[in-house]
Amino acid sequence: MLRCGLFSTIFVGEYVGSKQLNMIPTSTYIRKRRKAIVDGVSGSSEVGFSDSKPDFAEFRHVALQEVVNGVRKPDSRLRDGKKVKKEYGVRGGAPGVHKLESARKIEIFSGGVDVERETAKVAGDTAAVEGRCEALLKVMDDMASALDPLSFNSSVAFVYNPLHYARKPHEEYVRKYGGKEVECLLVGMNPGPFGMAQTGVPFGDSVLVREFLHISSEVDPPEIMHPKRPIIGLNCPRREVSGQRLWGWAQARFGTASAFLDQFWIHNYCPLLFMESSGKQIE
């Protein structure tokens, strides 16, 4: 089992070409982004960015520093991703993002926007998101059905497929937050016994799924379960450690699940939980 930095078994999808997606460990990704940001501030008296790739504000606080009298020291203002977007725009006299937002508001209130066109655009975007959600759910359903006939050796005593019995909360997760064009894909290996196996949500710690993601759909337990690994659903009293780390970090950095999932998507490439006769997870 691979462990990458703060998270367990997570990889980041990084585009190295127009269509080529390269999967790298999270720790490698953060290290690369950190180096690119530090290189951007070297030898400058101001905070600036020289990296040509899109930056993720949520990682800037790791390495982005302010140079004062030749000494670098952390700038605590950069810990809030939203504040970064508002306070640090393009240097060299060009307007910052906050100025562009203000101009946009003035244009709207002054009647400079075709309301009907803007409304149609929003409706079109909504339809596109819904269409992508439908496509993703169909892929999940097809995969779940294709996995049913598989058989495994004697060491695998139980196999749970949450895409079947936890389909409702999984669908709620996809419809509520999916279908967007995100900047980063985080890929987990397969469900944990107290995470997605219980809630249908990748790394789905029951408390954070309820209180942070605001998912409330019920789970229909499978007919055959290991006596030590019952499926309780969103009220599971056991906490998922990797889920607390991942979703807890997202909550601390972004505040809301929507703000986080506007930029990220989290997915398990294998939906099956494998267990030995003792109830121990097979990884």
C-alpha atoms as a PDB file:
ATOM      1  CA  MET A   1       0.000   0.000   0.000  1.00  0.00           C
ATOM      2  CA  LEU A   2       1.420   3.366  -0.974  1.00  0.00           C
ATOM      3  CA  ARG A   3       1.293   6.280   1.448  1.00  0.00           C
ATOM      4  CA  CYS A   4       1.804   9.734  -0.007  1.00  0.00           C
ATOM      5  CA  GLY A   5       2.337  12.608   2.414  1.00  0.00           C
ATOM      6  CA  LEU A   6      -0.791  13.542   4.337  1.00  0.00           C
ATOM      7  CA  PHE A   7      -3.089  11.194   2.469  1.00  0.00           C
ATOM      8  CA  SER A   8      -3.171   7.448   2.062  1.00  0.00           C
ATOM      9  CA  THR A   9      -3.091   5.918  -1.422  1.00  0.00           C
ATOM     10  CA  ILE A  10      -3.876   9.116  -3.320  1.00  0.00           C
ATOM     11  CA  PHE A  11      -2.520  10.102  -6.711  1.00  0.00           C
ATOM     12  CA  VAL A  12      -2.892  13.355  -8.600  1.00  0.00           C
ATOM     13  CA  GLY A  13      -3.805  13.568 -12.277  1.00  0.00           C
ATOM     14  CA  GLU A  14      -1.409  16.028 -13.926  1.00  0.00           C
ATOM     15  CA  TYR A  15      -1.800  16.966 -17.588  1.00  0.00           C
ATOM     16  CA  VAL A  16       1.561  16.778 -19.349  1.00  0.00           C
ATOM     17  CA  GLY A  17       0.118  17.436 -22.784  1.00  0.00           C
ATOM     18  CA  SER A  18      -3.153  18.539 -24.295  1.00  0.00           C
ATOM     19  CA  LYS A  19      -4.747  15.144 -23.616  1.00  0.00           C
ATOM     20  CA  GLN A  20      -2.150  13.018 -21.809  1.00  0.00           C
ATOM     21  CA  LEU A  21      -2.889  12.534 -18.074  1.00  0.00           C
ATOM     22  CA  ASN A  22       0.044  11.497 -15.896  1.00  0.00           C
ATOM     23  CA  MET A  23      -0.749  10.074 -12.435  1.00  0.00           C
ATOM     24  CA  ILE A  24       1.792  11.091  -9.774  1.00  0.00           C
ATOM     25  CA  PRO A  25       1.791  10.737  -5.966  1.00  0.00           C
ATOM     26  CA  THR A  26       0.363  13.690  -4.052  1.00  0.00           C
ATOM     27  CA  SER A  27       3.680  14.297  -2.280  1.00  0.00           C
ATOM     28  CA  THR A  28       5.498  14.601  -5.629  1.00  0.00           C
ATOM     29  CA  TYR A  29       2.854  16.979  -6.954  1.00  0.00           C
ATOM     30  CA  ILE A  30       3.048  19.259  -3.888  1.00  0.00           C
ATOM     31  CA  ARG A  31       6.859  19.245  -4.032  1.00  0.00           C
ATOM     32  CA  LYS A  32       6.808  20.296  -7.698  1.00  0.00           C
ATOM     33  CA  ARG A  33       4.266  23.041  -7.062  1.00  0.00           C
ATOM     34  CA  ARG A  34       6.239  24.242  -4.028  1.00  0.00           C
ATOM     35  CA  LYS A  35       9.457  24.501  -6.068  1.00  0.00           C
ATOM     36  CA  ALA A  36       7.701  26.341  -8.900  1.00  0.00           C
ATOM     37  CA  ILE A  37       6.248  28.887  -6.473  1.00  0.00           C
ATOM     38  CA  VAL A  38       9.542  29.442  -4.624  1.00  0.00           C
ATOM     39  CA  ASP A  39      11.328  29.943  -7.943  1.00  0.00           C
ATOM     40  CA  GLY A  40       8.729  32.586  -8.739  1.00  0.00           C
ATOM     41  CA  VAL A  41       9.619  34.712  -5.701  1.00  0.00           C
ATOM     42  CA  SER A  42      13.412  34.326  -5.737  1.00  0.00           C
ATOM     43  CA  GLY A  43      15.226  37.607  -6.085  1.00  0.00           C
ATOM     44  CA  SER A  44      12.066  39.680  -5.937  1.00  0.00           C
ATOM     45  CA  SER A  45      10.868  42.148  -3.327  1.00  0.00           C
ATOM     46  CA  GLU A  46       7.255  41.296  -4.103  1.00  0.00           C
ATOM     47  CA  VAL A  47       5.174  38.169  -4.208  1.00  0.00           C
ATOM     48  CA  GLY A  48       4.941  37.006  -7.820  1.00  0.00           C
ATOM     49  CA  PHE A  49       4.447  33.935  -9.937  1.00  0.00           C
ATOM     50  CA  SER A  50       6.661  32.790 -12.797  1.00  0.00           C
ATOM     51  CA  ASP A  51       5.177  29.325 -13.271  1.00  0.00           C
ATOM     52  CA  SER A  52       3.271  28.977 -16.533  1.00  0.00           C
ATOM     53  CA  LYS A  53       0.963  26.264 -15.172  1.00  0.00           C
ATOM     54  CA  PRO A  54      -2.214  27.076 -13.260  1.00  0.00           C
ATOM     55  CA  ASP A  55      -1.551  27.560  -9.572  1.00  0.00           C
ATOM     56  CA  PHE A  56      -3.605  26.096  -6.743  1.00  0.00           C
ATOM     57  CA  ALA A  57      -4.058  28.694  -4.022  1.00  0.00           C
ATOM     58  CA  GLU A  58      -4.599  26.004  -1.427  1.00  0.00           C
ATOM     59  CA  PHE A  59      -0.952  24.925  -1.749  1.00  0.00           C
ATOM     60  CA  ARG A  60       0.578  28.426  -1.809  1.00  0.00           C
ATOM     61  CA  HIS A  61       0.908  28.754   1.938  1.00  0.00           C
ATOM     62  CA  VAL A  62       3.313  25.784   1.932  1.00  0.00           C
ATOM     63  CA  ALA A  63       6.117  27.640   0.184  1.00  0.00           C
ATOM     64  CA  LEU A  64       5.022  31.095  -0.935  1.00  0.00           C
ATOM     65  CA  GLN A  65       6.894  33.686   1.114  1.00  0.00           C
ATOM     66  CA  GLU A  66       7.365  37.414   1.286  1.00  0.00           C
ATOM     67  CA  VAL A  67      10.863  38.854   1.052  1.00  0.00           C
ATOM     68  CA  VAL A  68      11.485  41.669   3.545  1.00  0.00           C
ATOM     69  CA  ASN A  69      14.968  43.228   3.773  1.00  0.00           C
ATOM     70  CA  GLY A  70      16.436  40.219   2.057  1.00  0.00           C
ATOM     71  CA  VAL A  71      14.879  37.771   4.526  1.00  0.00           C
ATOM     72  CA  ARG A  72      12.042  35.482   3.549  1.00  0.00           C
ATOM     73  CA  LYS A  73       9.279  34.987   6.044  1.00  0.00           C
ATOM     74  CA  PRO A  74       5.888  33.292   5.698  1.00  0.00           C
ATOM     75  CA  ASP A  75       2.998  35.516   4.739  1.00  0.00           C
ATOM     76  CA  SER A  76       0.060  34.405   6.893  1.00  0.00           C
ATOM     77  CA  ARG A  77      -2.372  36.198   4.610  1.00  0.00           C
ATOM     78  CA  LEU A  78      -1.798  33.505   1.993  1.00  0.00           C
ATOM     79  CA  ARG A  79      -3.342  30.758   4.128  1.00  0.00           C
ATOM     80  CA  ASP A  80      -6.821  31.678   2.930  1.00  0.00           C
ATOM     81  CA  GLY A  81      -7.265  30.589  -0.667  1.00  0.00           C
ATOM     82  CA  LYS A  82     -10.075  33.058  -1.274  1.00  0.00           C
ATOM     83  CA  LYS A  83      -8.029  35.938   0.090  1.00  0.00           C
ATOM     84  CA  VAL A  84      -5.188  35.064  -2.271  1.00  0.00           C
ATOM     85  CA  LYS A  85      -7.502  35.327  -5.254  1.00  0.00           C
ATOM     86  CA  LYS A  86      -8.787  38.728  -4.136  1.00  0.00           C
ATOM     87  CA  GLU A  87      -5.557  40.348  -2.940  1.00  0.00           C
ATOM     88  CA  TYR A  88      -2.961  39.042  -5.383  1.00  0.00           C
ATOM     89  CA  GLY A  89      -3.694  39.688  -9.007  1.00  0.00           C
ATOM     90  CA  VAL A  90      -1.412  40.232 -11.989  1.00  0.00           C
ATOM     91  CA  ARG A  91       1.603  42.396 -11.123  1.00  0.00           C
ATOM     92  CA  GLY A  92       2.962  45.311 -13.122  1.00  0.00           C
ATOM     93  CA  GLY A  93      -0.053  47.598 -12.914  1.00  0.00           C
ATOM     94  CA  ALA A  94      -2.572  45.165 -14.380  1.00  0.00           C
ATOM     95  CA  PRO A  95      -5.850  44.918 -12.439  1.00  0.00           C
ATOM     96  CA  GLY A  96      -6.134  42.221  -9.775  1.00  0.00           C
ATOM     97  CA  VAL A  97      -8.874  39.637  -9.717  1.00  0.00           C
ATOM     98  CA  HIS A  98     -10.794  41.615  -7.095  1.00  0.00           C
ATOM     99  CA  LYS A  99     -10.842  44.667  -9.402  1.00  0.00           C
ATOM    100  CA  LEU A 100     -12.126  42.568 -12.273  1.00  0.00           C
ATOM    101  CA  GLU A 101     -14.865  41.190 -10.028  1.00  0.00           C
ATOM    102  CA  SER A 102     -15.820  44.706  -8.977  1.00  0.00           C
ATOM    103  CA  ALA A 103     -15.947  45.841 -12.590  1.00  0.00           C
ATOM    104  CA  ARG A 104     -18.129  42.852 -13.409  1.00  0.00           C
ATOM    105  CA  LYS A 105     -20.578  43.781 -10.639  1.00  0.00           C
ATOM    106  CA  ILE A 106     -20.679  47.414 -11.821  1.00  0.00           C
ATOM    107  CA  GLU A 107     -21.344  46.256 -15.371  1.00  0.00           C
ATOM    108  CA  ILE A 108     -24.211  44.053 -14.227  1.00  0.00           C
ATOM    109  CA  PHE A 109     -25.848  46.711 -12.060  1.00  0.00           C
ATOM    110  CA  SER A 110     -25.428  49.381 -14.737  1.00  0.00           C
ATOM    111  CA  GLY A 111     -27.314  47.283 -17.252  1.00  0.00           C
ATOM    112  CA  GLY A 112     -24.230  46.476 -19.339  1.00  0.00           C
ATOM    113  CA  VAL A 113     -25.031  42.754 -19.458  1.00  0.00           C
ATOM    114  CA  ASP A 114     -27.581  41.008 -21.626  1.00  0.00           C
ATOM    115  CA  VAL A 115     -29.549  39.311 -18.843  1.00  0.00           C
ATOM    116  CA  GLU A 116     -31.313  36.910 -21.178  1.00  0.00           C
ATOM    117  CA  ARG A 117     -28.025  35.777 -22.690  1.00  0.00           C
ATOM    118  CA  GLU A 118     -26.433  35.349 -19.257  1.00  0.00           C
ATOM    119  CA  THR A 119     -29.450  33.382 -18.038  1.00  0.00           C
ATOM    120  CA  ALA A 120     -29.305  31.130 -21.089  1.00  0.00           C
ATOM    121  CA  LYS A 121     -25.594  30.559 -20.517  1.00  0.00           C
ATOM    122  CA  VAL A 122     -26.184  29.539 -16.901  1.00  0.00           C
ATOM    123  CA  ALA A 123     -28.961  27.188 -17.993  1.00  0.00           C
ATOM    124  CA  GLY A 124     -26.670  25.694 -20.629  1.00  0.00           C
ATOM    125  CA  ASP A 125     -23.876  25.194 -18.112  1.00  0.00           C
ATOM    126  CA  THR A 126     -26.296  23.518 -15.709  1.00  0.00           C
ATOM    127  CA  ALA A 127     -27.504  21.170 -18.438  1.00  0.00           C
ATOM    128  CA  ALA A 128     -23.901  20.288 -19.323  1.00  0.00           C
ATOM    129  CA  VAL A 129     -23.090  19.478 -15.682  1.00  0.00           C
ATOM    130  CA  GLU A 130     -26.200  17.320 -15.349  1.00  0.00           C
ATOM    131  CA  GLY A 131     -25.292  15.493 -18.547  1.00  0.00           C
ATOM    132  CA  ARG A 132     -21.789  14.736 -17.300  1.00  0.00           C
ATOM    133  CA  CYS A 133     -23.206  13.510 -13.976  1.00  0.00           C
ATOM    134  CA  GLU A 134     -25.523  11.140 -15.846  1.00  0.00           C
ATOM    135  CA  ALA A 135     -22.605   9.863 -17.922  1.00  0.00           C
ATOM    136  CA  LEU A 136     -20.465   9.301 -14.821  1.00  0.00           C
ATOM    137  CA  LEU A 137     -23.255   7.441 -13.023  1.00  0.00           C
ATOM    138  CA  LYS A 138     -23.809   5.232 -16.070  1.00  0.00           C
ATOM    139  CA  VAL A 139     -20.112   4.354 -16.139  1.00  0.00           C
ATOM    140  CA  MET A 140     -20.287   3.482 -12.430  1.00  0.00           C
ATOM    141  CA  ASP A 141     -23.391   1.325 -12.910  1.00  0.00           C
ATOM    142  CA  ASP A 142     -21.889  -0.490 -15.901  1.00  0.00           C
ATOM    143  CA  MET A 143     -18.679  -1.154 -14.002  1.00  0.00           C
ATOM    144  CA  ALA A 144     -20.539  -2.412 -10.910  1.00  0.00           C
ATOM    145  CA  SER A 145     -22.531  -4.856 -13.051  1.00  0.00           C
ATOM    146  CA  ALA A 146     -19.438  -6.008 -14.943  1.00  0.00           C
ATOM    147  CA  LEU A 147     -17.659  -6.804 -11.663  1.00  0.00           C
ATOM    148  CA  ASP A 148     -20.469  -9.018 -10.309  1.00  0.00           C
ATOM    149  CA  PRO A 149     -19.488 -12.234 -12.182  1.00  0.00           C
ATOM    150  CA  LEU A 150     -15.849 -12.086 -11.047  1.00  0.00           C
ATOM    151  CA  SER A 151     -14.559 -14.785  -8.708  1.00  0.00           C
ATOM    152  CA  PHE A 152     -11.468 -14.685  -6.504  1.00  0.00           C
ATOM    153  CA  ASN A 153      -9.180 -17.169  -4.800  1.00  0.00           C
ATOM    154  CA  SER A 154      -9.879 -18.722  -1.410  1.00  0.00           C
ATOM    155  CA  SER A 155      -8.068 -15.969   0.510  1.00  0.00           C
ATOM    156  CA  VAL A 156     -10.906 -13.575  -0.414  1.00  0.00           C
ATOM    157  CA  ALA A 157     -13.833 -14.593   1.767  1.00  0.00           C
ATOM    158  CA  PHE A 158     -16.044 -11.495   1.359  1.00  0.00           C
ATOM    159  CA  VAL A 159     -16.388  -8.857  -1.350  1.00  0.00           C
ATOM    160  CA  TYR A 160     -18.429  -5.677  -0.783  1.00  0.00           C
ATOM    161  CA  ASN A 161     -19.522  -3.513  -3.702  1.00  0.00           C
ATOM    162  CA  PRO A 162     -20.873  -0.193  -2.326  1.00  0.00           C
ATOM    163  CA  LEU A 163     -21.869   0.913  -5.827  1.00  0.00           C
ATOM    164  CA  HIS A 164     -24.773  -1.511  -5.374  1.00  0.00           C
ATOM    165  CA  TYR A 165     -25.951  -1.232  -1.784  1.00  0.00           C
ATOM    166  CA  ALA A 166     -24.735   2.372  -1.230  1.00  0.00           C
ATOM    167  CA  ARG A 167     -25.819   3.566  -4.669  1.00  0.00           C
ATOM    168  CA  LYS A 168     -28.123   6.288  -3.252  1.00  0.00           C
ATOM    169  CA  PRO A 169     -25.497   8.271  -1.296  1.00  0.00           C
ATOM    170  CA  HIS A 170     -22.987   7.747  -4.107  1.00  0.00           C
ATOM    171  CA  GLU A 171     -25.457   9.203  -6.588  1.00  0.00           C
ATOM    172  CA  GLU A 172     -26.134  12.112  -4.245  1.00  0.00           C
ATOM    173  CA  TYR A 173     -22.376  12.768  -4.054  1.00  0.00           C
ATOM    174  CA  VAL A 174     -22.077  12.784  -7.863  1.00  0.00           C
ATOM    175  CA  ARG A 175     -25.179  14.884  -8.535  1.00  0.00           C
ATOM    176  CA  LYS A 176     -24.436  17.416  -5.811  1.00  0.00           C
ATOM    177  CA  TYR A 177     -20.755  17.985  -6.584  1.00  0.00           C
ATOM    178  CA  GLY A 178     -19.792  16.219  -9.836  1.00  0.00           C
ATOM    179  CA  GLY A 179     -19.899  17.029 -13.540  1.00  0.00           C
ATOM    180  CA  LYS A 180     -17.599  20.057 -13.321  1.00  0.00           C
ATOM    181  CA  GLU A 181     -14.357  20.773 -15.149  1.00  0.00           C
ATOM    182  CA  VAL A 182     -11.961  20.520 -12.204  1.00  0.00           C
ATOM    183  CA  GLU A 183      -8.270  21.350 -12.000  1.00  0.00           C
ATOM    184  CA  CYS A 184      -7.109  18.273 -10.091  1.00  0.00           C
ATOM    185  CA  LEU A 185      -8.170  14.627  -9.805  1.00  0.00           C
ATOM    186  CA  LEU A 186      -7.362  12.716  -6.599  1.00  0.00           C
ATOM    187  CA  VAL A 187      -7.537   8.947  -7.098  1.00  0.00           C
ATOM    188  CA  GLY A 188      -7.848   6.461  -4.239  1.00  0.00           C
ATOM    189  CA  MET A 189      -7.217   2.732  -4.482  1.00  0.00           C
ATOM    190  CA  ASN A 190     -10.397   1.062  -3.166  1.00  0.00           C
ATOM    191  CA  PRO A 191     -12.925   1.477  -0.324  1.00  0.00           C
ATOM    192  CA  GLY A 192     -12.031   1.123   3.326  1.00  0.00           C
ATOM    193  CA  PRO A 193     -14.309  -0.848   5.694  1.00  0.00           C
ATOM    194  CA  PHE A 194     -15.326   2.323   7.543  1.00  0.00           C
ATOM    195  CA  GLY A 195     -15.221   4.716   4.598  1.00  0.00           C
ATOM    196  CA  MET A 196     -16.785   4.248   1.180  1.00  0.00           C
ATOM    197  CA  ALA A 197     -17.882   0.740   2.171  1.00  0.00           C
ATOM    198  CA  GLN A 198     -20.237   2.386   4.673  1.00  0.00           C
ATOM    199  CA  THR A 199     -21.222   5.622   2.943  1.00  0.00           C
ATOM    200  CA  GLY A 200     -20.730   5.131  -0.804  1.00  0.00           C
ATOM    201  CA  VAL A 201     -18.465   8.213  -0.912  1.00  0.00           C
ATOM    202  CA  PRO A 202     -14.710   7.914  -1.617  1.00  0.00           C
ATOM    203  CA  PHE A 203     -12.789   8.233   1.677  1.00  0.00           C
ATOM    204  CA  GLY A 204     -16.272   8.680   3.140  1.00  0.00           C
ATOM    205  CA  ASP A 205     -15.838   9.077   6.878  1.00  0.00           C
ATOM    206  CA  SER A 206     -19.434   8.955   8.167  1.00  0.00           C
ATOM    207  CA  VAL A 207     -19.285  12.148  10.255  1.00  0.00           C
ATOM    208  CA  LEU A 208     -17.743  14.296   7.512  1.00  0.00           C
ATOM    209  CA  VAL A 209     -20.045  12.855   4.860  1.00  0.00           C
ATOM    210  CA  ARG A 210     -23.026  13.953   6.952  1.00  0.00           C
ATOM    211  CA  GLU A 211     -21.742  17.244   8.342  1.00  0.00           C
ATOM    212  CA  PHE A 212     -19.340  18.509   5.647  1.00  0.00           C
ATOM    213  CA  LEU A 213     -20.674  17.011   2.419  1.00  0.00           C
ATOM    214  CA  HIS A 214     -24.283  17.183   3.686  1.00  0.00           C
ATOM    215  CA  ILE A 215     -25.190  13.811   2.199  1.00  0.00           C
ATOM    216  CA  SER A 216     -28.115  12.067   3.862  1.00  0.00           C
ATOM    217  CA  SER A 217     -29.274   9.236   1.570  1.00  0.00           C
ATOM    218  CA  GLU A 218     -29.866   5.874   3.187  1.00  0.00           C
ATOM    219  CA  VAL A 219     -27.779   2.760   2.586  1.00  0.00           C
ATOM    220  CA  ASP A 220     -29.384  -0.643   1.928  1.00  0.00           C
ATOM    221  CA  PRO A 221     -27.015  -3.205   3.545  1.00  0.00           C
ATOM    222  CA  PRO A 222     -26.057  -6.223   1.427  1.00  0.00           C
ATOM    223  CA  GLU A 223     -27.643  -9.569   2.282  1.00  0.00           C
ATOM    224  CA  ILE A 224     -24.297 -11.292   2.920  1.00  0.00           C
ATOM    225  CA  MET A 225     -21.981  -9.519   5.368  1.00  0.00           C
ATOM    226  CA  HIS A 226     -19.062 -10.459   7.565  1.00  0.00           C
ATOM    227  CA  PRO A 227     -20.263 -10.492  11.213  1.00  0.00           C
ATOM    228  CA  LYS A 228     -17.354  -8.255  12.202  1.00  0.00           C
ATOM    229  CA  ARG A 229     -17.901  -5.839   9.303  1.00  0.00           C
ATOM    230  CA  PRO A 230     -21.606  -4.966   9.230  1.00  0.00           C
ATOM    231  CA  ILE A 231     -22.765  -2.162   6.957  1.00  0.00           C
ATOM    232  CA  ILE A 232     -24.394   0.519   9.121  1.00  0.00           C
ATOM    233  CA  GLY A 233     -24.310   3.385   6.649  1.00  0.00           C
ATOM    234  CA  LEU A 234     -23.973   7.076   7.452  1.00  0.00           C
ATOM    235  CA  ASN A 235     -24.436   6.405  11.169  1.00  0.00           C
ATOM    236  CA  CYS A 236     -21.396   4.132  11.378  1.00  0.00           C
ATOM    237  CA  PRO A 237     -19.719   4.844  14.774  1.00  0.00           C
ATOM    238  CA  ARG A 238     -16.242   3.903  13.522  1.00  0.00           C
ATOM    239  CA  ARG A 239     -14.265   6.715  11.889  1.00  0.00           C
ATOM    240  CA  GLU A 240     -12.323   6.349   8.645  1.00  0.00           C
ATOM    241  CA  VAL A 241      -8.798   7.645   9.354  1.00  0.00           C
ATOM    242  CA  SER A 242      -7.863   8.478   5.756  1.00  0.00           C
ATOM    243  CA  GLY A 243     -11.287  10.097   5.293  1.00  0.00           C
ATOM    244  CA  GLN A 244     -10.759  12.308   8.339  1.00  0.00           C
ATOM    245  CA  ARG A 245      -7.388  13.395   6.935  1.00  0.00           C
ATOM    246  CA  LEU A 246      -8.590  14.121   3.418  1.00  0.00           C
ATOM    247  CA  TRP A 247     -12.020  15.643   3.980  1.00  0.00           C
ATOM    248  CA  GLY A 248     -10.844  17.268   7.221  1.00  0.00           C
ATOM    249  CA  TRP A 249      -8.062  19.000   5.283  1.00  0.00           C
ATOM    250  CA  ALA A 250     -10.553  20.114   2.636  1.00  0.00           C
ATOM    251  CA  GLN A 251     -12.832  21.537   5.312  1.00  0.00           C
ATOM    252  CA  ALA A 252      -9.979  23.402   7.010  1.00  0.00           C
ATOM    253  CA  ARG A 253      -8.586  24.851   3.749  1.00  0.00           C
ATOM    254  CA  PHE A 254     -11.810  25.627   1.824  1.00  0.00           C
ATOM    255  CA  GLY A 255     -14.552  25.918   4.399  1.00  0.00           C
ATOM    256  CA  THR A 256     -17.254  24.257   2.284  1.00  0.00           C
ATOM    257  CA  ALA A 257     -17.427  21.080   0.234  1.00  0.00           C
ATOM    258  CA  SER A 258     -18.646  23.038  -2.811  1.00  0.00           C
ATOM    259  CA  ALA A 259     -15.601  25.339  -2.757  1.00  0.00           C
ATOM    260  CA  PHE A 260     -13.275  22.341  -2.568  1.00  0.00           C
ATOM    261  CA  LEU A 261     -15.034  20.246  -5.208  1.00  0.00           C
ATOM    262  CA  ASP A 262     -15.164  23.163  -7.632  1.00  0.00           C
ATOM    263  CA  GLN A 263     -11.417  22.547  -8.074  1.00  0.00           C
ATOM    264  CA  PHE A 264     -10.972  18.872  -7.130  1.00  0.00           C
ATOM    265  CA  TRP A 265     -12.683  15.561  -7.729  1.00  0.00           C
ATOM    266  CA  ILE A 266     -12.114  12.427  -5.656  1.00  0.00           C
ATOM    267  CA  HIS A 267     -12.605   8.961  -7.080  1.00  0.00           C
ATOM    268  CA  ASN A 268     -11.720   5.334  -6.270  1.00  0.00           C
ATOM    269  CA  TYR A 269     -10.616   3.461  -9.356  1.00  0.00           C
ATOM    270  CA  CYS A 270     -11.677   0.136  -7.773  1.00  0.00           C
ATOM    271  CA  PRO A 271     -15.061   0.123  -5.981  1.00  0.00           C
ATOM    272  CA  LEU A 272     -14.616  -3.283  -4.298  1.00  0.00           C
ATOM    273  CA  LEU A 273     -13.686  -4.021  -0.677  1.00  0.00           C
ATOM    274  CA  PHE A 274     -11.920  -7.379  -0.234  1.00  0.00           C
ATOM    275  CA  MET A 275     -11.784  -9.153   3.141  1.00  0.00           C
ATOM    276  CA  GLU A 276     -10.286 -12.308   4.597  1.00  0.00           C
ATOM    277  CA  SER A 277     -12.364 -14.737   6.649  1.00  0.00           C
ATOM    278  CA  SER A 278     -11.150 -12.917   9.754  1.00  0.00           C
ATOM    279  CA  GLY A 279     -12.625  -9.642   8.475  1.00  0.00           C
ATOM    280  CA  LYS A 280      -9.224  -8.111   7.740  1.00  0.00           C
ATOM    281  CA  GLN A 281      -9.144  -5.950   4.623  1.00  0.00           C
ATOM    282  CA  ILE A 282      -7.065  -7.237   1.714  1.00  0.00           C
ATOM    283  CA  GLU A 283      -5.216  -4.367   0.040  1.00  0.00           C
END
